[in-house]
Amino acid sequence: MSAELHVTRERADAIAAPPASARLRRYARPALGLLLPLGLALFWELWVWLGYSNGRLVPPPTKIFATVMELAKSGELTRHITATVSRVAAGFGLGVVAGTVLGAISGYWGLARQLLDPTVQALRAIPSIAWVPLFILWLGIFETSKIALIAVGVFFPVYLGVMGAILAVDRKIVEVGRIFRLSGPAMIRRILLPAVLPAYVVALRVGLGLGWMFVVAAEFMGASEGLGYLLIDGQQLGKPAQIVAAIVIFAILGKTTDWLIEVATAPLLRWQDAFGRQSGAA
């Protein structure tokens, strides 16, 4: 009897445990995204090493890495990254709150949409640089104007994403909620929120990307620290390695924060039976 029980347990463990190839694919899949940038970096390093380019205007990866390590040893890199990340975090938070609230109001209430949306769409067409002199005049040249500019960049995609997602909710689902006599808060919690959440996550990711773009314009406004300051400093002093290093750090930080949003919201989207989820698990 014990032998049969032992065999049964072994079979159950074999069924429950994923095969080694599946585990290998799961761990190797994130590494696939590194193939292209690493391949391009290796190609350019060899191109410069073989003498086909002097690497002065576009430095090779080894020189960029040496520049990053030099900034890190001096403590400047930590100071600049901290300043930029804190600005993006503050601007992103303000932009998300304002975009979510106004987008939800415009999407749920037709009269508010008719009043607000034309003005918001007109403001959305204004280039980001056009806000810079106005924010400096209104808010000064210090942190407040920089955070406000980043918040403006984050606001518009979040607003459009929330409003568009609410307007795209299937009318039949809403009618089902009314048939079951759901109250207003229950309708939002059980019907609208799950339907809007996938598009909302996409809007957050787009808004975060624009936040990283707008922080460069914000740090051009007389900043004395930040990755945008490193760009300007590298341009004025003729340091292309410093410019490229700042751009690479921007890319790494942007991808890391985007991944954090994706991981944080993944448990909320497990109910989706989407094609992308199936193909990603294949």
C-alpha atoms as a PDB file:
ATOM      1  CA  MET A   1       0.000   0.000   0.000  1.00  0.00           C
ATOM      2  CA  SER A   2       2.848   2.397   0.895  1.00  0.00           C
ATOM      3  CA  ALA A   3       4.640   1.544  -2.341  1.00  0.00           C
ATOM      4  CA  GLU A   4       1.519   2.377  -4.370  1.00  0.00           C
ATOM      5  CA  LEU A   5       1.138   5.642  -2.461  1.00  0.00           C
ATOM      6  CA  HIS A   6       4.789   6.496  -3.172  1.00  0.00           C
ATOM      7  CA  VAL A   7       4.320   5.867  -6.904  1.00  0.00           C
ATOM      8  CA  THR A   8       1.154   7.978  -6.908  1.00  0.00           C
ATOM      9  CA  ARG A   9       2.985  10.851  -5.261  1.00  0.00           C
ATOM     10  CA  GLU A  10       5.828  10.631  -7.778  1.00  0.00           C
ATOM     11  CA  ARG A  11       3.337  10.790 -10.652  1.00  0.00           C
ATOM     12  CA  ALA A  12       1.573  13.778  -9.098  1.00  0.00           C
ATOM     13  CA  ASP A  13       4.888  15.608  -8.620  1.00  0.00           C
ATOM     14  CA  ALA A  14       5.856  14.857 -12.220  1.00  0.00           C
ATOM     15  CA  ILE A  15       2.560  16.283 -13.471  1.00  0.00           C
ATOM     16  CA  ALA A  16       2.724  19.359 -11.232  1.00  0.00           C
ATOM     17  CA  ALA A  17       6.361  20.224 -11.964  1.00  0.00           C
ATOM     18  CA  PRO A  18       6.943  21.949 -15.299  1.00  0.00           C
ATOM     19  CA  PRO A  19       9.412  20.258 -17.635  1.00  0.00           C
ATOM     20  CA  ALA A  20      12.987  21.476 -17.644  1.00  0.00           C
ATOM     21  CA  SER A  21      12.644  22.906 -21.145  1.00  0.00           C
ATOM     22  CA  ALA A  22       9.642  25.012 -20.082  1.00  0.00           C
ATOM     23  CA  ARG A  23      11.552  26.374 -17.083  1.00  0.00           C
ATOM     24  CA  LEU A  24      14.521  27.156 -19.306  1.00  0.00           C
ATOM     25  CA  ARG A  25      12.315  29.032 -21.784  1.00  0.00           C
ATOM     26  CA  ARG A  26      10.713  31.009 -18.963  1.00  0.00           C
ATOM     27  CA  TYR A  27      14.074  32.209 -17.652  1.00  0.00           C
ATOM     28  CA  ALA A  28      15.646  32.692 -21.085  1.00  0.00           C
ATOM     29  CA  ARG A  29      12.750  34.706 -22.573  1.00  0.00           C
ATOM     30  CA  PRO A  30      13.612  37.985 -20.770  1.00  0.00           C
ATOM     31  CA  ALA A  31      17.205  37.643 -21.978  1.00  0.00           C
ATOM     32  CA  LEU A  32      16.052  37.745 -25.596  1.00  0.00           C
ATOM     33  CA  GLY A  33      15.396  41.465 -25.287  1.00  0.00           C
ATOM     34  CA  LEU A  34      19.098  42.014 -24.559  1.00  0.00           C
ATOM     35  CA  LEU A  35      20.282  40.405 -27.764  1.00  0.00           C
ATOM     36  CA  LEU A  36      19.708  43.404 -30.030  1.00  0.00           C
ATOM     37  CA  PRO A  37      21.328  46.132 -27.849  1.00  0.00           C
ATOM     38  CA  LEU A  38      24.238  43.876 -26.873  1.00  0.00           C
ATOM     39  CA  GLY A  39      24.716  42.828 -30.483  1.00  0.00           C
ATOM     40  CA  LEU A  40      24.772  46.452 -31.659  1.00  0.00           C
ATOM     41  CA  ALA A  41      27.194  47.406 -28.871  1.00  0.00           C
ATOM     42  CA  LEU A  42      29.518  44.528 -29.751  1.00  0.00           C
ATOM     43  CA  PHE A  43      29.368  45.424 -33.449  1.00  0.00           C
ATOM     44  CA  TRP A  44      30.285  49.064 -32.794  1.00  0.00           C
ATOM     45  CA  GLU A  45      33.071  48.090 -30.395  1.00  0.00           C
ATOM     46  CA  LEU A  46      34.602  45.832 -33.045  1.00  0.00           C
ATOM     47  CA  TRP A  47      34.063  48.471 -35.747  1.00  0.00           C
ATOM     48  CA  VAL A  48      36.063  51.029 -33.764  1.00  0.00           C
ATOM     49  CA  TRP A  49      38.670  48.479 -32.674  1.00  0.00           C
ATOM     50  CA  LEU A  50      39.293  47.479 -36.309  1.00  0.00           C
ATOM     51  CA  GLY A  51      39.890  51.117 -37.199  1.00  0.00           C
ATOM     52  CA  TYR A  52      36.870  51.736 -39.432  1.00  0.00           C
ATOM     53  CA  SER A  53      35.859  54.633 -37.150  1.00  0.00           C
ATOM     54  CA  ASN A  54      37.796  56.740 -34.673  1.00  0.00           C
ATOM     55  CA  GLY A  55      34.895  56.618 -32.189  1.00  0.00           C
ATOM     56  CA  ARG A  56      35.213  60.317 -31.379  1.00  0.00           C
ATOM     57  CA  LEU A  57      31.644  61.431 -32.060  1.00  0.00           C
ATOM     58  CA  VAL A  58      30.051  58.056 -31.294  1.00  0.00           C
ATOM     59  CA  PRO A  59      32.235  56.500 -28.577  1.00  0.00           C
ATOM     60  CA  PRO A  60      32.522  52.712 -28.262  1.00  0.00           C
ATOM     61  CA  PRO A  61      30.787  50.941 -25.365  1.00  0.00           C
ATOM     62  CA  THR A  62      34.035  50.520 -23.411  1.00  0.00           C
ATOM     63  CA  LYS A  63      34.581  54.278 -23.331  1.00  0.00           C
ATOM     64  CA  ILE A  64      30.947  54.877 -22.348  1.00  0.00           C
ATOM     65  CA  PHE A  65      31.272  52.330 -19.547  1.00  0.00           C
ATOM     66  CA  ALA A  66      34.475  53.997 -18.346  1.00  0.00           C
ATOM     67  CA  THR A  67      32.678  57.362 -18.286  1.00  0.00           C
ATOM     68  CA  VAL A  68      29.806  55.883 -16.252  1.00  0.00           C
ATOM     69  CA  MET A  69      32.237  54.333 -13.767  1.00  0.00           C
ATOM     70  CA  GLU A  70      34.103  57.634 -13.441  1.00  0.00           C
ATOM     71  CA  LEU A  71      30.847  59.473 -12.686  1.00  0.00           C
ATOM     72  CA  ALA A  72      29.844  56.749 -10.230  1.00  0.00           C
ATOM     73  CA  LYS A  73      33.159  56.877  -8.347  1.00  0.00           C
ATOM     74  CA  SER A  74      32.928  60.648  -7.974  1.00  0.00           C
ATOM     75  CA  GLY A  75      29.375  60.379  -6.628  1.00  0.00           C
ATOM     76  CA  GLU A  76      27.958  62.577  -9.386  1.00  0.00           C
ATOM     77  CA  LEU A  77      26.038  59.757 -11.046  1.00  0.00           C
ATOM     78  CA  THR A  78      24.024  58.950  -7.923  1.00  0.00           C
ATOM     79  CA  ARG A  79      23.227  62.630  -7.393  1.00  0.00           C
ATOM     80  CA  HIS A  80      22.059  63.150 -10.979  1.00  0.00           C
ATOM     81  CA  ILE A  81      20.011  59.937 -11.100  1.00  0.00           C
ATOM     82  CA  THR A  82      18.356  60.719  -7.765  1.00  0.00           C
ATOM     83  CA  ALA A  83      17.377  64.208  -8.942  1.00  0.00           C
ATOM     84  CA  THR A  84      15.916  62.955 -12.221  1.00  0.00           C
ATOM     85  CA  VAL A  85      14.052  60.005 -10.711  1.00  0.00           C
ATOM     86  CA  SER A  86      12.534  62.164  -7.962  1.00  0.00           C
ATOM     87  CA  ARG A  87      11.290  64.671 -10.539  1.00  0.00           C
ATOM     88  CA  VAL A  88       9.784  61.962 -12.731  1.00  0.00           C
ATOM     89  CA  ALA A  89       8.144  60.294  -9.725  1.00  0.00           C
ATOM     90  CA  ALA A  90       6.556  63.540  -8.510  1.00  0.00           C
ATOM     91  CA  GLY A  91       5.416  64.620 -11.980  1.00  0.00           C
ATOM     92  CA  PHE A  92       4.146  61.141 -12.802  1.00  0.00           C
ATOM     93  CA  GLY A  93       2.100  60.994  -9.613  1.00  0.00           C
ATOM     94  CA  LEU A  94       0.487  64.381 -10.206  1.00  0.00           C
ATOM     95  CA  GLY A  95      -0.190  63.655 -13.878  1.00  0.00           C
ATOM     96  CA  VAL A  96      -1.727  60.248 -13.131  1.00  0.00           C
ATOM     97  CA  VAL A  97      -4.041  61.627 -10.449  1.00  0.00           C
ATOM     98  CA  ALA A  98      -5.251  64.530 -12.605  1.00  0.00           C
ATOM     99  CA  GLY A  99      -5.551  62.425 -15.766  1.00  0.00           C
ATOM    100  CA  THR A 100      -7.408  59.623 -13.998  1.00  0.00           C
ATOM    101  CA  VAL A 101      -9.906  61.915 -12.276  1.00  0.00           C
ATOM    102  CA  LEU A 102     -10.687  64.111 -15.278  1.00  0.00           C
ATOM    103  CA  GLY A 103     -10.647  61.160 -17.681  1.00  0.00           C
ATOM    104  CA  ALA A 104     -13.083  59.227 -15.521  1.00  0.00           C
ATOM    105  CA  ILE A 105     -15.384  62.245 -15.213  1.00  0.00           C
ATOM    106  CA  SER A 106     -15.310  62.917 -18.961  1.00  0.00           C
ATOM    107  CA  GLY A 107     -15.859  59.276 -19.823  1.00  0.00           C
ATOM    108  CA  TYR A 108     -18.681  58.646 -17.360  1.00  0.00           C
ATOM    109  CA  TRP A 109     -20.533  61.972 -17.627  1.00  0.00           C
ATOM    110  CA  GLY A 110     -21.500  63.179 -21.106  1.00  0.00           C
ATOM    111  CA  LEU A 111     -21.982  66.810 -20.139  1.00  0.00           C
ATOM    112  CA  ALA A 112     -18.529  67.000 -18.561  1.00  0.00           C
ATOM    113  CA  ARG A 113     -17.029  65.461 -21.686  1.00  0.00           C
ATOM    114  CA  GLN A 114     -18.653  68.111 -23.872  1.00  0.00           C
ATOM    115  CA  LEU A 115     -17.322  70.842 -21.585  1.00  0.00           C
ATOM    116  CA  LEU A 116     -13.810  69.531 -20.872  1.00  0.00           C
ATOM    117  CA  ASP A 117     -12.687  67.432 -23.805  1.00  0.00           C
ATOM    118  CA  PRO A 118     -12.423  70.154 -26.520  1.00  0.00           C
ATOM    119  CA  THR A 119     -10.180  72.263 -24.263  1.00  0.00           C
ATOM    120  CA  VAL A 120      -8.036  69.287 -23.253  1.00  0.00           C
ATOM    121  CA  GLN A 121      -7.601  68.229 -26.881  1.00  0.00           C
ATOM    122  CA  ALA A 122      -6.557  71.770 -27.832  1.00  0.00           C
ATOM    123  CA  LEU A 123      -4.015  71.891 -24.991  1.00  0.00           C
ATOM    124  CA  ARG A 124      -2.685  68.465 -25.983  1.00  0.00           C
ATOM    125  CA  ALA A 125      -1.612  69.860 -29.360  1.00  0.00           C
ATOM    126  CA  ILE A 126       0.721  72.407 -27.738  1.00  0.00           C
ATOM    127  CA  PRO A 127       4.397  71.340 -27.985  1.00  0.00           C
ATOM    128  CA  SER A 128       6.090  70.586 -24.686  1.00  0.00           C
ATOM    129  CA  ILE A 129       8.778  73.230 -25.191  1.00  0.00           C
ATOM    130  CA  ALA A 130       6.075  75.896 -25.495  1.00  0.00           C
ATOM    131  CA  TRP A 131       5.153  75.365 -21.836  1.00  0.00           C
ATOM    132  CA  VAL A 132       8.702  76.023 -20.609  1.00  0.00           C
ATOM    133  CA  PRO A 133       8.778  79.852 -20.635  1.00  0.00           C
ATOM    134  CA  LEU A 134       5.257  80.039 -19.217  1.00  0.00           C
ATOM    135  CA  PHE A 135       6.012  77.676 -16.337  1.00  0.00           C
ATOM    136  CA  ILE A 136       9.230  79.553 -15.567  1.00  0.00           C
ATOM    137  CA  LEU A 137       7.270  82.810 -15.478  1.00  0.00           C
ATOM    138  CA  TRP A 138       4.513  81.335 -13.290  1.00  0.00           C
ATOM    139  CA  LEU A 139       6.394  78.923 -11.042  1.00  0.00           C
ATOM    140  CA  GLY A 140       9.999  80.037 -11.147  1.00  0.00           C
ATOM    141  CA  ILE A 141      13.063  78.187 -12.350  1.00  0.00           C
ATOM    142  CA  PHE A 142      13.299  75.678  -9.499  1.00  0.00           C
ATOM    143  CA  GLU A 143      11.698  72.264  -8.907  1.00  0.00           C
ATOM    144  CA  THR A 144       8.037  73.285  -9.078  1.00  0.00           C
ATOM    145  CA  SER A 145       8.163  74.281 -12.737  1.00  0.00           C
ATOM    146  CA  LYS A 146      10.046  71.110 -13.685  1.00  0.00           C
ATOM    147  CA  ILE A 147       7.577  68.824 -11.933  1.00  0.00           C
ATOM    148  CA  ALA A 148       4.656  70.717 -13.465  1.00  0.00           C
ATOM    149  CA  LEU A 149       6.063  70.225 -16.963  1.00  0.00           C
ATOM    150  CA  ILE A 150       6.486  66.476 -16.395  1.00  0.00           C
ATOM    151  CA  ALA A 151       2.947  66.256 -14.999  1.00  0.00           C
ATOM    152  CA  VAL A 152       1.606  67.891 -18.163  1.00  0.00           C
ATOM    153  CA  GLY A 153       3.335  65.269 -20.297  1.00  0.00           C
ATOM    154  CA  VAL A 154       1.915  62.416 -18.197  1.00  0.00           C
ATOM    155  CA  PHE A 155      -1.589  63.885 -17.932  1.00  0.00           C
ATOM    156  CA  PHE A 156      -2.718  63.700 -21.564  1.00  0.00           C
ATOM    157  CA  PRO A 157      -2.159  59.963 -22.323  1.00  0.00           C
ATOM    158  CA  VAL A 158      -3.674  58.970 -18.966  1.00  0.00           C
ATOM    159  CA  TYR A 159      -6.692  61.220 -19.537  1.00  0.00           C
ATOM    160  CA  LEU A 160      -7.255  59.876 -23.057  1.00  0.00           C
ATOM    161  CA  GLY A 161      -6.708  56.279 -21.972  1.00  0.00           C
ATOM    162  CA  VAL A 162      -9.215  56.445 -19.110  1.00  0.00           C
ATOM    163  CA  MET A 163     -11.864  58.348 -21.052  1.00  0.00           C
ATOM    164  CA  GLY A 164     -11.515  56.169 -24.147  1.00  0.00           C
ATOM    165  CA  ALA A 165     -11.621  52.958 -22.113  1.00  0.00           C
ATOM    166  CA  ILE A 166     -14.823  54.012 -20.326  1.00  0.00           C
ATOM    167  CA  LEU A 167     -16.469  55.003 -23.599  1.00  0.00           C
ATOM    168  CA  ALA A 168     -15.465  51.658 -25.136  1.00  0.00           C
ATOM    169  CA  VAL A 169     -17.087  49.537 -22.399  1.00  0.00           C
ATOM    170  CA  ASP A 170     -19.586  47.134 -23.958  1.00  0.00           C
ATOM    171  CA  ARG A 171     -23.114  48.434 -23.437  1.00  0.00           C
ATOM    172  CA  LYS A 172     -24.378  44.874 -22.940  1.00  0.00           C
ATOM    173  CA  ILE A 173     -22.168  44.433 -19.870  1.00  0.00           C
ATOM    174  CA  VAL A 174     -23.534  47.637 -18.365  1.00  0.00           C
ATOM    175  CA  GLU A 175     -27.099  46.484 -19.066  1.00  0.00           C
ATOM    176  CA  VAL A 176     -26.379  43.226 -17.244  1.00  0.00           C
ATOM    177  CA  GLY A 177     -25.279  45.236 -14.225  1.00  0.00           C
ATOM    178  CA  ARG A 178     -28.475  47.256 -14.355  1.00  0.00           C
ATOM    179  CA  ILE A 179     -30.558  44.097 -14.614  1.00  0.00           C
ATOM    180  CA  PHE A 180     -28.947  42.870 -11.404  1.00  0.00           C
ATOM    181  CA  ARG A 181     -29.728  46.295  -9.866  1.00  0.00           C
ATOM    182  CA  LEU A 182     -26.128  47.146  -9.040  1.00  0.00           C
ATOM    183  CA  SER A 183     -25.644  50.454  -7.292  1.00  0.00           C
ATOM    184  CA  GLY A 184     -23.367  53.152  -8.714  1.00  0.00           C
ATOM    185  CA  PRO A 185     -20.263  52.163  -6.697  1.00  0.00           C
ATOM    186  CA  ALA A 186     -20.953  48.470  -7.340  1.00  0.00           C
ATOM    187  CA  MET A 187     -21.323  49.151 -11.068  1.00  0.00           C
ATOM    188  CA  ILE A 188     -17.955  50.910 -11.091  1.00  0.00           C
ATOM    189  CA  ARG A 189     -16.225  48.245  -9.000  1.00  0.00           C
ATOM    190  CA  ARG A 190     -17.637  45.130 -10.709  1.00  0.00           C
ATOM    191  CA  ILE A 191     -18.302  46.296 -14.285  1.00  0.00           C
ATOM    192  CA  LEU A 192     -16.451  49.431 -15.305  1.00  0.00           C
ATOM    193  CA  LEU A 193     -13.191  48.984 -13.390  1.00  0.00           C
ATOM    194  CA  PRO A 194     -12.328  45.502 -14.766  1.00  0.00           C
ATOM    195  CA  ALA A 195     -13.265  46.626 -18.278  1.00  0.00           C
ATOM    196  CA  VAL A 196     -11.163  49.797 -18.071  1.00  0.00           C
ATOM    197  CA  LEU A 197      -8.128  48.364 -16.282  1.00  0.00           C
ATOM    198  CA  PRO A 198      -6.241  46.883 -19.297  1.00  0.00           C
ATOM    199  CA  ALA A 199      -6.389  50.150 -21.232  1.00  0.00           C
ATOM    200  CA  TYR A 200      -5.555  52.075 -18.060  1.00  0.00           C
ATOM    201  CA  VAL A 201      -2.354  50.095 -17.585  1.00  0.00           C
ATOM    202  CA  VAL A 202      -1.336  50.869 -21.170  1.00  0.00           C
ATOM    203  CA  ALA A 203      -2.095  54.562 -20.562  1.00  0.00           C
ATOM    204  CA  LEU A 204       0.095  54.511 -17.436  1.00  0.00           C
ATOM    205  CA  ARG A 205       2.978  53.030 -19.386  1.00  0.00           C
ATOM    206  CA  VAL A 206       2.609  55.581 -22.188  1.00  0.00           C
ATOM    207  CA  GLY A 207       2.377  58.398 -19.657  1.00  0.00           C
ATOM    208  CA  LEU A 208       5.493  57.166 -17.879  1.00  0.00           C
ATOM    209  CA  GLY A 209       7.385  57.110 -21.170  1.00  0.00           C
ATOM    210  CA  LEU A 210       6.359  60.700 -21.871  1.00  0.00           C
ATOM    211  CA  GLY A 211       7.353  61.602 -18.316  1.00  0.00           C
ATOM    212  CA  TRP A 212      10.910  60.464 -19.048  1.00  0.00           C
ATOM    213  CA  MET A 213      10.843  62.484 -22.273  1.00  0.00           C
ATOM    214  CA  PHE A 214       9.514  65.617 -20.596  1.00  0.00           C
ATOM    215  CA  VAL A 215      12.058  65.472 -17.784  1.00  0.00           C
ATOM    216  CA  VAL A 216      14.772  66.235 -20.329  1.00  0.00           C
ATOM    217  CA  ALA A 217      12.975  69.419 -21.357  1.00  0.00           C
ATOM    218  CA  ALA A 218      12.349  70.177 -17.677  1.00  0.00           C
ATOM    219  CA  GLU A 219      16.028  69.821 -16.794  1.00  0.00           C
ATOM    220  CA  PHE A 220      16.973  72.160 -19.604  1.00  0.00           C
ATOM    221  CA  MET A 221      15.285  74.893 -17.519  1.00  0.00           C
ATOM    222  CA  GLY A 222      18.366  75.930 -15.577  1.00  0.00           C
ATOM    223  CA  ALA A 223      18.903  72.663 -13.704  1.00  0.00           C
ATOM    224  CA  SER A 224      22.193  72.166 -11.875  1.00  0.00           C
ATOM    225  CA  GLU A 225      21.727  68.411 -11.441  1.00  0.00           C
ATOM    226  CA  GLY A 226      19.995  65.572 -13.225  1.00  0.00           C
ATOM    227  CA  LEU A 227      20.625  63.462 -16.297  1.00  0.00           C
ATOM    228  CA  GLY A 228      19.375  66.288 -18.515  1.00  0.00           C
ATOM    229  CA  TYR A 229      22.063  68.478 -16.971  1.00  0.00           C
ATOM    230  CA  LEU A 230      24.636  65.834 -17.906  1.00  0.00           C
ATOM    231  CA  LEU A 231      23.445  66.071 -21.508  1.00  0.00           C
ATOM    232  CA  ILE A 232      23.857  69.858 -21.585  1.00  0.00           C
ATOM    233  CA  ASP A 233      27.188  69.679 -19.758  1.00  0.00           C
ATOM    234  CA  GLY A 234      28.483  67.077 -22.212  1.00  0.00           C
ATOM    235  CA  GLN A 235      27.390  69.206 -25.157  1.00  0.00           C
ATOM    236  CA  GLN A 236      29.012  72.394 -23.846  1.00  0.00           C
ATOM    237  CA  LEU A 237      32.281  70.685 -22.876  1.00  0.00           C
ATOM    238  CA  GLY A 238      32.461  68.484 -25.973  1.00  0.00           C
ATOM    239  CA  LYS A 239      32.100  65.138 -24.151  1.00  0.00           C
ATOM    240  CA  PRO A 240      30.196  62.769 -26.459  1.00  0.00           C
ATOM    241  CA  ALA A 241      30.855  59.817 -24.141  1.00  0.00           C
ATOM    242  CA  GLN A 242      29.053  61.629 -21.320  1.00  0.00           C
ATOM    243  CA  ILE A 243      26.117  62.449 -23.616  1.00  0.00           C
ATOM    244  CA  VAL A 244      25.734  58.848 -24.773  1.00  0.00           C
ATOM    245  CA  ALA A 245      26.165  57.586 -21.200  1.00  0.00           C
ATOM    246  CA  ALA A 246      23.299  59.829 -20.041  1.00  0.00           C
ATOM    247  CA  ILE A 247      21.130  58.594 -22.915  1.00  0.00           C
ATOM    248  CA  VAL A 248      21.870  54.958 -22.042  1.00  0.00           C
ATOM    249  CA  ILE A 249      21.025  55.585 -18.377  1.00  0.00           C
ATOM    250  CA  PHE A 250      17.766  57.233 -19.451  1.00  0.00           C
ATOM    251  CA  ALA A 251      16.934  54.109 -21.471  1.00  0.00           C
ATOM    252  CA  ILE A 252      17.758  51.766 -18.585  1.00  0.00           C
ATOM    253  CA  LEU A 253      15.745  53.765 -16.057  1.00  0.00           C
ATOM    254  CA  GLY A 254      12.801  54.086 -18.443  1.00  0.00           C
ATOM    255  CA  LYS A 255      12.715  50.379 -19.172  1.00  0.00           C
ATOM    256  CA  THR A 256      13.093  49.487 -15.484  1.00  0.00           C
ATOM    257  CA  THR A 257      10.200  51.686 -14.378  1.00  0.00           C
ATOM    258  CA  ASP A 258       8.031  50.440 -17.237  1.00  0.00           C
ATOM    259  CA  TRP A 259       8.781  46.866 -16.135  1.00  0.00           C
ATOM    260  CA  LEU A 260       7.859  47.752 -12.548  1.00  0.00           C
ATOM    261  CA  ILE A 261       4.440  48.993 -13.685  1.00  0.00           C
ATOM    262  CA  GLU A 262       3.972  45.844 -15.758  1.00  0.00           C
ATOM    263  CA  VAL A 263       4.876  43.581 -12.831  1.00  0.00           C
ATOM    264  CA  ALA A 264       2.791  45.548 -10.318  1.00  0.00           C
ATOM    265  CA  THR A 265      -0.335  45.423 -12.471  1.00  0.00           C
ATOM    266  CA  ALA A 266       0.064  41.836 -13.715  1.00  0.00           C
ATOM    267  CA  PRO A 267      -1.925  40.304 -10.789  1.00  0.00           C
ATOM    268  CA  LEU A 268      -4.844  42.611 -11.634  1.00  0.00           C
ATOM    269  CA  LEU A 269      -4.972  41.354 -15.228  1.00  0.00           C
ATOM    270  CA  ARG A 270      -4.709  37.604 -14.654  1.00  0.00           C
ATOM    271  CA  TRP A 271      -8.367  37.175 -15.540  1.00  0.00           C
ATOM    272  CA  GLN A 272      -7.650  38.157 -19.148  1.00  0.00           C
ATOM    273  CA  ASP A 273      -7.798  35.378 -21.715  1.00  0.00           C
ATOM    274  CA  ALA A 274      -5.928  37.377 -24.345  1.00  0.00           C
ATOM    275  CA  PHE A 275      -3.933  36.273 -27.362  1.00  0.00           C
ATOM    276  CA  GLY A 276      -0.787  37.988 -26.099  1.00  0.00           C
ATOM    277  CA  ARG A 277      -0.891  36.041 -22.853  1.00  0.00           C
ATOM    278  CA  GLN A 278      -1.225  32.745 -24.751  1.00  0.00           C
ATOM    279  CA  SER A 279       1.591  33.531 -27.187  1.00  0.00           C
ATOM    280  CA  GLY A 280       3.802  34.754 -24.350  1.00  0.00           C
ATOM    281  CA  ALA A 281       3.364  31.472 -22.508  1.00  0.00           C
ATOM    282  CA  ALA A 282       4.120  29.414 -25.603  1.00  0.00           C
END
